[in-house]
Amino acid sequence: MALPFTVEQFYGVFRDYNAAVWPAQWFLVALALVAVGAVLRPQPWSGVVVSSILGVLWAWIALIYHLAFFARISPAAYGFAAGSAVGAVAFIWQGVIRRRLSFRWVPGLNAMAGVVLIAFALVVYPVWSAYAGHPYPATPTFGLPCPTTIFTIGLLCFAVPPMPRGPLILPLLWCLVGAQAAFLLDVQPDLGLIAAAVVGMGLLATTGQRHRALKP
């Protein structure tokens, strides 16, 4: 597949982004930890908090990464930004305005998958990037599309059923787009998107079954 940029330009965008937004990366990680805490110790307002944080993360991807940085080397960034913005709106609409998203730790297969994906996004991803020869700052830090997608699907593993399908759609689509970087651009940690896609498809299928079961 022909790309409109070189591998060097691609990693250069990460370098420029990380230098420009520092230390915002730590703030984004802190938001992620707050969301995890809201899942582990659920309160009546936990769904709003988690949904708001996911909305902020996807809005950040749209505005700060795609439009401000990735658009410099690829016109596809404008489409990606629009999609990420739709993802942000889905979380705000379903989780904050309509209050249809709530999160809770329930032991089981979904919880195991969620823990693995969240740990991968926050810990394994940056370590693997460095080991693969792309240390900071020329690496996708948390808050950028691929690690954030894995984290998002990990959190959705803890969504209390029935969960609306809308918030799952954009992360699943990004799994298809982002996983290609593992092969075309040597972003090895993006292989994690394949596992995230499998988990996300399972959540989507289960959600569909639950919605059908609820119909009279």
Protein backbone atom coordinates (compact mmCIF):
# COMPACT_ATOMS: atom_id res chain seq x y z
CA MET A 1 0.00 0.00 0.00
CA ALA A 2 1.40 3.38 -1.02
CA LEU A 3 1.44 5.97 1.75
CA PRO A 4 1.63 9.77 1.27
CA PHE A 5 4.47 10.00 3.81
CA THR A 6 7.64 8.20 4.79
CA VAL A 7 8.23 6.19 7.94
CA GLU A 8 10.59 8.94 9.12
CA GLN A 9 7.90 11.57 8.65
CA PHE A 10 5.39 9.41 10.51
CA TYR A 11 7.61 9.07 13.59
CA GLY A 12 8.57 12.72 13.23
CA VAL A 13 4.94 13.66 13.86
CA PHE A 14 5.07 11.82 17.19
CA ARG A 15 8.30 13.60 18.07
CA ASP A 16 6.82 17.02 17.28
CA TYR A 17 3.57 16.25 19.07
CA ASN A 18 5.24 15.01 22.25
CA ALA A 19 7.57 17.98 22.38
CA ALA A 20 4.73 20.46 21.83
CA VAL A 21 2.18 19.11 24.32
CA TRP A 22 4.50 18.09 27.16
CA PRO A 23 3.57 17.53 30.01
CA ALA A 24 -0.03 16.95 28.88
CA GLN A 25 0.76 13.25 28.39
CA TRP A 26 0.87 12.82 32.16
CA PHE A 27 -2.46 14.60 32.54
CA LEU A 28 -4.02 12.21 30.02
CA VAL A 29 -2.63 9.21 31.89
CA ALA A 30 -4.02 10.69 35.11
CA LEU A 31 -7.45 10.94 33.49
CA ALA A 32 -7.17 7.29 32.47
CA LEU A 33 -6.37 6.29 36.05
CA VAL A 34 -9.35 8.29 37.33
CA ALA A 35 -11.57 6.39 34.89
CA VAL A 36 -10.15 3.06 36.08
CA GLY A 37 -10.73 4.10 39.69
CA ALA A 38 -14.36 4.98 38.88
CA VAL A 39 -14.81 1.45 37.52
CA LEU A 40 -13.22 -0.23 40.53
CA ARG A 41 -15.17 1.84 43.05
CA PRO A 42 -18.43 2.64 41.26
CA GLN A 43 -20.60 5.51 42.44
CA PRO A 44 -23.87 6.87 41.01
CA TRP A 45 -21.83 9.39 39.02
CA SER A 46 -19.15 6.95 37.80
CA GLY A 47 -20.73 6.44 34.38
CA VAL A 48 -20.73 10.17 33.74
CA VAL A 49 -17.10 10.49 34.83
CA VAL A 50 -15.85 7.59 32.71
CA SER A 51 -17.87 8.68 29.68
CA SER A 52 -16.66 12.28 30.04
CA ILE A 53 -13.04 11.15 30.19
CA LEU A 54 -13.44 8.96 27.10
CA GLY A 55 -15.13 11.86 25.33
CA VAL A 56 -12.22 14.15 26.21
CA LEU A 57 -9.66 11.59 25.02
CA TRP A 58 -11.34 11.15 21.64
CA ALA A 59 -11.81 14.90 21.23
CA TRP A 60 -8.10 15.32 22.01
CA ILE A 61 -7.25 12.80 19.29
CA ALA A 62 -9.42 14.67 16.80
CA LEU A 63 -8.29 18.21 17.51
CA ILE A 64 -4.81 18.03 18.96
CA TYR A 65 -3.32 15.06 17.14
CA HIS A 66 -5.07 14.64 13.79
CA LEU A 67 -5.78 18.27 12.95
CA ALA A 68 -2.80 19.96 14.56
CA PHE A 69 -0.09 17.41 13.72
CA PHE A 70 -0.99 14.44 11.52
CA ALA A 71 -2.67 16.67 8.92
CA ARG A 72 0.80 18.06 8.13
CA ILE A 73 1.74 14.82 6.37
CA SER A 74 -1.56 13.21 5.37
CA PRO A 75 -4.88 14.58 4.10
CA ALA A 76 -6.55 11.48 5.57
CA ALA A 77 -6.11 13.19 8.94
CA TYR A 78 -9.19 15.31 8.28
CA GLY A 79 -11.35 12.22 7.88
CA PHE A 80 -9.76 10.61 10.92
CA ALA A 81 -10.39 13.79 12.91
CA ALA A 82 -14.05 13.78 11.91
CA GLY A 83 -14.40 10.14 12.93
CA SER A 84 -12.68 10.72 16.26
CA ALA A 85 -14.95 13.70 16.93
CA VAL A 86 -17.98 11.48 16.26
CA GLY A 87 -16.55 9.00 18.76
CA ALA A 88 -16.23 11.77 21.36
CA VAL A 89 -19.82 12.85 20.75
CA ALA A 90 -21.02 9.25 21.12
CA PHE A 91 -19.53 9.00 24.60
CA ILE A 92 -20.87 12.39 25.69
CA TRP A 93 -24.33 11.74 24.24
CA GLN A 94 -24.78 8.20 25.53
CA GLY A 95 -22.87 8.44 28.80
CA VAL A 96 -23.26 12.04 29.96
CA ILE A 97 -26.47 13.36 28.45
CA ARG A 98 -28.58 10.18 28.24
CA ARG A 99 -26.84 8.41 31.16
CA ARG A 100 -26.93 5.07 29.32
CA LEU A 101 -23.37 4.05 30.18
CA SER A 102 -22.40 2.76 33.59
CA PHE A 103 -19.33 0.78 34.57
CA ARG A 104 -18.66 -1.80 37.25
CA TRP A 105 -16.11 -4.49 38.05
CA VAL A 106 -17.80 -7.88 37.65
CA PRO A 107 -15.43 -10.88 37.81
CA GLY A 108 -15.45 -12.93 34.62
CA LEU A 109 -14.10 -13.14 31.10
CA ASN A 110 -14.96 -9.54 30.22
CA ALA A 111 -13.19 -8.26 33.31
CA MET A 112 -10.09 -10.28 32.48
CA ALA A 113 -10.06 -8.94 28.94
CA GLY A 114 -10.54 -5.39 30.22
CA VAL A 115 -7.64 -5.64 32.65
CA VAL A 116 -5.33 -7.02 29.96
CA LEU A 117 -6.23 -4.31 27.44
CA ILE A 118 -5.95 -1.46 29.94
CA ALA A 119 -2.60 -2.72 31.21
CA PHE A 120 -1.41 -3.11 27.63
CA ALA A 121 -2.41 0.44 26.70
CA LEU A 122 -0.87 2.13 29.75
CA VAL A 123 2.18 -0.04 30.47
CA VAL A 124 3.03 -2.60 27.82
CA TYR A 125 2.54 -0.29 24.83
CA PRO A 126 5.19 2.31 25.76
CA VAL A 127 7.66 -0.34 26.98
CA TRP A 128 7.26 -2.36 23.77
CA SER A 129 7.67 0.79 21.67
CA ALA A 130 10.99 1.57 23.34
CA TYR A 131 12.17 -2.03 23.06
CA ALA A 132 11.23 -2.06 19.34
CA GLY A 133 13.54 0.89 18.70
CA HIS A 134 11.10 3.80 18.99
CA PRO A 135 11.67 5.35 22.43
CA TYR A 136 10.18 8.63 23.60
CA PRO A 137 9.65 11.17 22.10
CA ALA A 138 9.32 9.43 18.70
CA THR A 139 6.58 7.11 19.89
CA PRO A 140 2.78 7.13 20.22
CA THR A 141 2.13 8.14 23.83
CA PHE A 142 -1.14 7.61 25.63
CA GLY A 143 -3.75 10.03 24.29
CA LEU A 144 -2.87 9.19 20.70
CA PRO A 145 -5.20 6.99 18.65
CA CYS A 146 -3.84 3.46 18.98
CA PRO A 147 -3.09 3.14 22.71
CA THR A 148 -6.25 5.12 23.46
CA THR A 149 -8.34 2.78 21.30
CA ILE A 150 -7.03 -0.24 23.19
CA PHE A 151 -7.72 1.50 26.50
CA THR A 152 -11.24 2.47 25.40
CA ILE A 153 -12.24 -1.06 24.48
CA GLY A 154 -10.69 -2.24 27.74
CA LEU A 155 -12.92 0.14 29.72
CA LEU A 156 -15.99 -0.86 27.72
CA CYS A 157 -15.42 -4.43 28.92
CA PHE A 158 -16.73 -3.14 32.27
CA ALA A 159 -19.85 -1.46 30.86
CA VAL A 160 -23.03 -2.64 32.57
CA PRO A 161 -25.44 -4.27 30.09
CA PRO A 162 -27.37 -3.39 28.10
CA MET A 163 -24.72 -1.13 26.60
CA PRO A 164 -25.49 1.10 23.59
CA ARG A 165 -23.58 0.07 20.48
CA GLY A 166 -22.64 3.57 19.35
CA PRO A 167 -19.57 4.11 21.56
CA LEU A 168 -18.05 0.85 20.32
CA ILE A 169 -18.22 1.63 16.62
CA LEU A 170 -15.41 4.18 16.26
CA PRO A 171 -12.88 2.25 18.41
CA LEU A 172 -13.58 -0.87 16.35
CA LEU A 173 -13.11 1.03 13.09
CA TRP A 174 -9.84 2.47 14.37
CA CYS A 175 -8.64 -1.05 15.19
CA LEU A 176 -8.94 -1.84 11.48
CA VAL A 177 -7.11 1.33 10.46
CA GLY A 178 -4.47 1.41 13.17
CA ALA A 179 -3.49 -2.26 13.02
CA GLN A 180 -2.08 -1.65 9.55
CA ALA A 181 0.62 0.52 11.10
CA ALA A 182 2.08 -2.59 12.73
CA PHE A 183 2.89 -3.95 9.28
CA LEU A 184 3.34 -0.86 7.11
CA LEU A 185 5.10 1.45 9.58
CA ASP A 186 6.76 -0.95 12.04
CA VAL A 187 4.63 0.16 15.00
CA GLN A 188 4.83 -3.26 16.65
CA PRO A 189 2.68 -2.47 19.73
CA ASP A 190 -0.21 -1.77 17.36
CA LEU A 191 -0.56 -5.53 17.06
CA GLY A 192 -2.49 -5.10 20.29
CA LEU A 193 -5.26 -3.54 18.21
CA ILE A 194 -5.97 -6.96 16.71
CA ALA A 195 -6.68 -8.38 20.16
CA ALA A 196 -8.71 -5.28 21.03
CA ALA A 197 -10.77 -5.75 17.86
CA VAL A 198 -11.55 -9.36 18.76
CA VAL A 199 -12.67 -8.29 22.24
CA GLY A 200 -14.66 -5.37 20.82
CA MET A 201 -16.45 -7.58 18.30
CA GLY A 202 -17.36 -9.93 21.13
CA LEU A 203 -18.80 -7.01 23.11
CA LEU A 204 -20.72 -5.80 20.06
CA ALA A 205 -22.19 -9.24 19.40
CA THR A 206 -23.14 -9.72 23.04
CA THR A 207 -24.70 -6.26 23.18
CA GLY A 208 -26.79 -7.06 20.11
CA GLN A 209 -28.03 -10.30 21.68
CA ARG A 210 -28.97 -8.52 24.90
CA HIS A 211 -30.87 -5.81 23.02
CA ARG A 212 -32.82 -8.44 21.08
CA ALA A 213 -33.60 -10.30 24.29
CA LEU A 214 -35.05 -7.12 25.81
CA LYS A 215 -37.49 -6.55 22.94
CA PRO A 216 -41.09 -7.59 23.70
